[in-house]
């Protein structure tokens, strides 16, 4: 699921549970760029999208992945920059 900074849906890609999400970055990035007229430059992602393959797939679509990492030592709820936007969007669908 890709959303803009306000949480509006840009693209959605449903894959089988036995496939890695990061393997689909290219497809999702392409769908986002088609929707936005290729205006997206940065995509904030969680640590599941680390690695050269995911970064390269995004770069091929004109996007840079910025991984938002968990603090090493956390206690209780920690609000992570930018990651809350997509989580909130999931909540709106419920």
N, C-alpha and C. Protein backbone atom coordinates (compact mmCIF):
# COMPACT_ATOMS: atom_id res chain seq x y z
N UNK A 1 0.85 -1.17 0.00
CA UNK A 1 0.00 0.00 0.00
C UNK A 1 0.89 1.23 0.00
N UNK A 2 0.64 2.16 -0.87
CA UNK A 2 1.36 3.42 -0.92
C UNK A 2 0.36 4.55 -0.75
N UNK A 3 0.66 5.45 0.18
CA UNK A 3 -0.20 6.59 0.43
C UNK A 3 0.62 7.87 0.36
N UNK A 4 -0.05 8.99 0.17
CA UNK A 4 0.65 10.27 0.19
C UNK A 4 0.81 10.72 1.64
N UNK A 5 1.37 11.91 1.84
CA UNK A 5 1.65 12.36 3.20
C UNK A 5 0.40 12.62 4.03
N UNK A 6 -0.75 12.70 3.38
CA UNK A 6 -2.01 12.87 4.10
C UNK A 6 -2.72 11.55 4.36
N UNK A 7 -2.19 10.47 3.80
CA UNK A 7 -2.79 9.16 3.98
C UNK A 7 -3.73 8.75 2.86
N UNK A 8 -3.79 9.54 1.79
CA UNK A 8 -4.64 9.19 0.66
C UNK A 8 -3.99 8.08 -0.16
N UNK A 9 -4.77 7.10 -0.54
CA UNK A 9 -4.26 5.95 -1.28
C UNK A 9 -3.74 6.36 -2.66
N UNK A 10 -2.50 5.97 -2.96
CA UNK A 10 -1.92 6.20 -4.29
C UNK A 10 -1.91 4.91 -5.10
N UNK A 11 -1.56 3.81 -4.45
CA UNK A 11 -1.49 2.53 -5.15
C UNK A 11 -1.60 1.40 -4.13
N UNK A 12 -2.10 0.28 -4.60
CA UNK A 12 -2.25 -0.90 -3.75
C UNK A 12 -1.85 -2.11 -4.57
N UNK A 13 -1.03 -2.95 -3.99
CA UNK A 13 -0.59 -4.16 -4.66
C UNK A 13 -0.81 -5.33 -3.71
N UNK A 14 -1.61 -6.27 -4.14
CA UNK A 14 -1.91 -7.46 -3.33
C UNK A 14 -1.08 -8.61 -3.88
N UNK A 15 -0.32 -9.24 -2.98
CA UNK A 15 0.55 -10.34 -3.39
C UNK A 15 0.28 -11.57 -2.53
N UNK A 16 0.66 -12.73 -3.00
CA UNK A 16 0.51 -13.93 -2.19
C UNK A 16 1.36 -13.83 -0.92
N UNK A 17 0.93 -14.49 0.13
CA UNK A 17 1.63 -14.44 1.40
C UNK A 17 3.03 -15.07 1.33
N UNK A 18 3.27 -15.91 0.34
CA UNK A 18 4.57 -16.55 0.24
C UNK A 18 5.58 -15.74 -0.57
N UNK A 19 5.25 -14.51 -0.92
CA UNK A 19 6.18 -13.64 -1.65
C UNK A 19 6.65 -12.50 -0.75
N UNK A 20 7.90 -12.13 -0.90
CA UNK A 20 8.48 -11.03 -0.14
C UNK A 20 7.91 -9.70 -0.63
N UNK A 21 7.51 -8.84 0.30
CA UNK A 21 7.02 -7.52 -0.06
C UNK A 21 8.05 -6.70 -0.79
N UNK A 22 9.30 -6.80 -0.36
CA UNK A 22 10.35 -5.97 -0.99
C UNK A 22 10.62 -6.38 -2.43
N UNK A 23 10.23 -7.61 -2.80
CA UNK A 23 10.41 -8.05 -4.18
C UNK A 23 9.41 -7.37 -5.12
N UNK A 24 8.40 -6.74 -4.55
CA UNK A 24 7.36 -6.09 -5.34
C UNK A 24 7.52 -4.56 -5.41
N UNK A 25 8.62 -4.05 -4.88
CA UNK A 25 8.82 -2.60 -4.82
C UNK A 25 8.73 -1.97 -6.20
N UNK A 26 9.32 -2.59 -7.19
CA UNK A 26 9.30 -2.03 -8.55
C UNK A 26 7.89 -1.85 -9.08
N UNK A 27 7.06 -2.87 -8.90
CA UNK A 27 5.67 -2.80 -9.37
C UNK A 27 4.89 -1.70 -8.65
N UNK A 28 5.06 -1.65 -7.33
CA UNK A 28 4.33 -0.65 -6.55
C UNK A 28 4.82 0.76 -6.88
N UNK A 29 6.13 0.92 -7.02
CA UNK A 29 6.69 2.23 -7.37
C UNK A 29 6.20 2.68 -8.74
N UNK A 30 6.12 1.75 -9.67
CA UNK A 30 5.62 2.08 -11.01
C UNK A 30 4.16 2.53 -10.94
N UNK A 31 3.35 1.83 -10.16
CA UNK A 31 1.94 2.21 -10.01
C UNK A 31 1.81 3.60 -9.38
N UNK A 32 2.65 3.89 -8.39
CA UNK A 32 2.63 5.21 -7.75
C UNK A 32 2.99 6.28 -8.77
N UNK A 33 4.02 6.05 -9.55
CA UNK A 33 4.45 7.06 -10.53
C UNK A 33 3.40 7.25 -11.63
N UNK A 34 2.72 6.20 -12.01
CA UNK A 34 1.64 6.32 -13.00
C UNK A 34 0.51 7.16 -12.44
N UNK A 35 0.19 6.96 -11.17
CA UNK A 35 -0.90 7.69 -10.53
C UNK A 35 -0.57 9.17 -10.35
N UNK A 36 0.68 9.45 -10.02
CA UNK A 36 1.08 10.82 -9.66
C UNK A 36 1.73 11.59 -10.80
N UNK A 37 1.86 10.97 -11.95
CA UNK A 37 2.55 11.64 -13.05
C UNK A 37 4.05 11.71 -12.82
N UNK A 38 4.59 10.69 -12.15
CA UNK A 38 6.02 10.57 -11.87
C UNK A 38 6.56 11.73 -11.06
N UNK A 39 5.80 12.15 -10.05
CA UNK A 39 6.24 13.27 -9.22
C UNK A 39 6.82 12.85 -7.87
N UNK A 40 6.71 11.58 -7.53
CA UNK A 40 7.21 11.11 -6.23
C UNK A 40 8.72 10.89 -6.31
N UNK A 41 9.44 11.51 -5.39
CA UNK A 41 10.89 11.39 -5.36
C UNK A 41 11.38 10.54 -4.20
N UNK A 42 10.64 10.56 -3.07
CA UNK A 42 11.05 9.83 -1.87
C UNK A 42 9.88 8.99 -1.37
N UNK A 43 10.19 7.75 -1.01
CA UNK A 43 9.18 6.86 -0.41
C UNK A 43 9.70 6.44 0.96
N UNK A 44 8.94 6.72 2.00
CA UNK A 44 9.29 6.29 3.35
C UNK A 44 8.79 4.87 3.55
N UNK A 45 9.68 3.97 3.95
CA UNK A 45 9.34 2.55 4.09
C UNK A 45 9.85 2.03 5.43
N UNK A 46 9.31 0.88 5.86
CA UNK A 46 9.81 0.28 7.09
C UNK A 46 11.01 -0.62 6.78
N UNK A 47 11.57 -1.21 7.82
CA UNK A 47 12.80 -1.98 7.67
C UNK A 47 12.64 -3.23 6.81
N UNK A 48 11.43 -3.63 6.53
CA UNK A 48 11.21 -4.77 5.65
C UNK A 48 11.60 -4.50 4.21
N UNK A 49 11.85 -3.25 3.89
CA UNK A 49 12.18 -2.86 2.52
C UNK A 49 13.63 -2.42 2.37
N UNK A 50 14.49 -2.90 3.27
CA UNK A 50 15.91 -2.60 3.15
C UNK A 50 16.53 -3.49 2.09
N UNK A 51 17.69 -3.10 1.63
CA UNK A 51 18.42 -3.92 0.66
C UNK A 51 18.59 -3.24 -0.68
N UNK A 52 19.62 -3.68 -1.37
CA UNK A 52 19.97 -3.08 -2.66
C UNK A 52 18.93 -3.34 -3.74
N UNK A 53 18.34 -4.52 -3.74
CA UNK A 53 17.35 -4.84 -4.78
C UNK A 53 16.14 -3.92 -4.70
N UNK A 54 15.62 -3.72 -3.49
CA UNK A 54 14.46 -2.84 -3.32
C UNK A 54 14.82 -1.41 -3.69
N UNK A 55 15.99 -0.95 -3.25
CA UNK A 55 16.43 0.41 -3.56
C UNK A 55 16.60 0.60 -5.06
N UNK A 56 17.18 -0.38 -5.73
CA UNK A 56 17.39 -0.29 -7.17
C UNK A 56 16.05 -0.28 -7.93
N UNK A 57 15.12 -1.13 -7.49
CA UNK A 57 13.81 -1.17 -8.14
C UNK A 57 13.10 0.18 -8.02
N UNK A 58 13.21 0.81 -6.86
CA UNK A 58 12.60 2.14 -6.67
C UNK A 58 13.32 3.18 -7.52
N UNK A 59 14.63 3.12 -7.55
CA UNK A 59 15.41 4.08 -8.35
C UNK A 59 15.07 4.00 -9.83
N UNK A 60 14.80 2.80 -10.31
CA UNK A 60 14.41 2.63 -11.72
C UNK A 60 13.11 3.38 -12.04
N UNK A 61 12.31 3.63 -11.00
CA UNK A 61 11.06 4.37 -11.17
C UNK A 61 11.21 5.83 -10.74
N UNK A 62 12.45 6.25 -10.48
CA UNK A 62 12.70 7.64 -10.13
C UNK A 62 12.47 7.98 -8.67
N UNK A 63 12.49 6.97 -7.81
CA UNK A 63 12.22 7.15 -6.38
C UNK A 63 13.40 6.70 -5.55
N UNK A 64 13.57 7.36 -4.41
CA UNK A 64 14.56 6.95 -3.43
C UNK A 64 13.82 6.42 -2.20
N UNK A 65 14.21 5.24 -1.73
CA UNK A 65 13.60 4.69 -0.52
C UNK A 65 14.32 5.24 0.70
N UNK A 66 13.56 5.71 1.66
CA UNK A 66 14.12 6.15 2.93
C UNK A 66 13.54 5.25 4.01
N UNK A 67 14.39 4.42 4.59
CA UNK A 67 13.96 3.44 5.59
C UNK A 67 13.83 4.13 6.94
N UNK A 68 12.65 4.01 7.55
CA UNK A 68 12.38 4.55 8.89
C UNK A 68 12.60 3.40 9.87
N UNK A 69 13.63 3.54 10.69
CA UNK A 69 14.02 2.45 11.59
C UNK A 69 13.49 2.65 13.00
N UNK A 70 13.27 1.52 13.67
CA UNK A 70 12.89 1.54 15.08
C UNK A 70 14.09 1.98 15.92
N UNK A 71 13.84 2.72 16.98
CA UNK A 71 14.93 3.03 17.90
C UNK A 71 15.46 1.72 18.49
N UNK A 72 16.76 1.65 18.70
CA UNK A 72 17.35 0.41 19.21
C UNK A 72 16.79 0.01 20.57
N UNK A 73 16.64 0.97 21.45
CA UNK A 73 16.08 0.67 22.77
C UNK A 73 14.76 1.40 22.90
N UNK A 74 13.67 0.67 22.88
CA UNK A 74 12.38 1.32 22.99
C UNK A 74 11.61 0.73 24.17
N UNK A 75 10.77 1.54 24.71
CA UNK A 75 9.93 1.10 25.83
C UNK A 75 8.55 1.67 25.58
N UNK A 76 7.56 0.81 25.48
CA UNK A 76 6.21 1.27 25.23
C UNK A 76 6.01 1.70 23.78
N UNK A 77 5.03 2.55 23.57
CA UNK A 77 4.68 3.03 22.24
C UNK A 77 5.69 4.06 21.76
N UNK A 78 6.17 3.89 20.54
CA UNK A 78 7.10 4.85 19.95
C UNK A 78 6.52 5.28 18.60
N UNK A 79 6.27 6.57 18.45
CA UNK A 79 5.78 7.10 17.19
C UNK A 79 6.95 7.27 16.24
N UNK A 80 6.91 6.58 15.13
CA UNK A 80 8.00 6.66 14.16
C UNK A 80 7.64 7.68 13.08
N UNK A 81 8.59 8.53 12.73
CA UNK A 81 8.32 9.54 11.71
C UNK A 81 7.84 8.90 10.41
N UNK A 82 6.80 9.43 9.83
CA UNK A 82 6.23 9.05 8.54
C UNK A 82 5.55 7.69 8.50
N UNK A 83 5.97 6.72 9.33
CA UNK A 83 5.37 5.40 9.24
C UNK A 83 3.93 5.37 9.72
N UNK A 84 3.54 6.29 10.58
CA UNK A 84 2.18 6.29 11.11
C UNK A 84 1.16 6.59 10.02
N UNK A 85 1.58 7.24 8.94
CA UNK A 85 0.63 7.66 7.90
C UNK A 85 -0.03 6.45 7.25
N UNK A 86 0.75 5.46 6.83
CA UNK A 86 0.16 4.29 6.18
C UNK A 86 -0.62 3.44 7.19
N UNK A 87 -0.13 3.38 8.43
CA UNK A 87 -0.86 2.62 9.45
C UNK A 87 -2.23 3.24 9.70
N UNK A 88 -2.30 4.56 9.74
CA UNK A 88 -3.58 5.25 9.93
C UNK A 88 -4.49 4.95 8.75
N UNK A 89 -3.95 4.91 7.56
CA UNK A 89 -4.76 4.62 6.37
C UNK A 89 -5.36 3.23 6.44
N UNK A 90 -4.59 2.26 6.95
CA UNK A 90 -5.15 0.92 7.16
C UNK A 90 -6.31 0.99 8.14
N UNK A 91 -6.18 1.77 9.18
CA UNK A 91 -7.24 1.93 10.17
C UNK A 91 -8.51 2.51 9.58
N UNK A 92 -8.37 3.41 8.62
CA UNK A 92 -9.54 4.02 8.00
C UNK A 92 -10.33 2.99 7.19
N UNK A 93 -9.65 1.94 6.72
CA UNK A 93 -10.32 0.93 5.88
C UNK A 93 -11.13 -0.06 6.71
N UNK A 94 -10.84 -0.13 7.99
CA UNK A 94 -11.51 -1.12 8.84
C UNK A 94 -12.97 -0.78 9.07
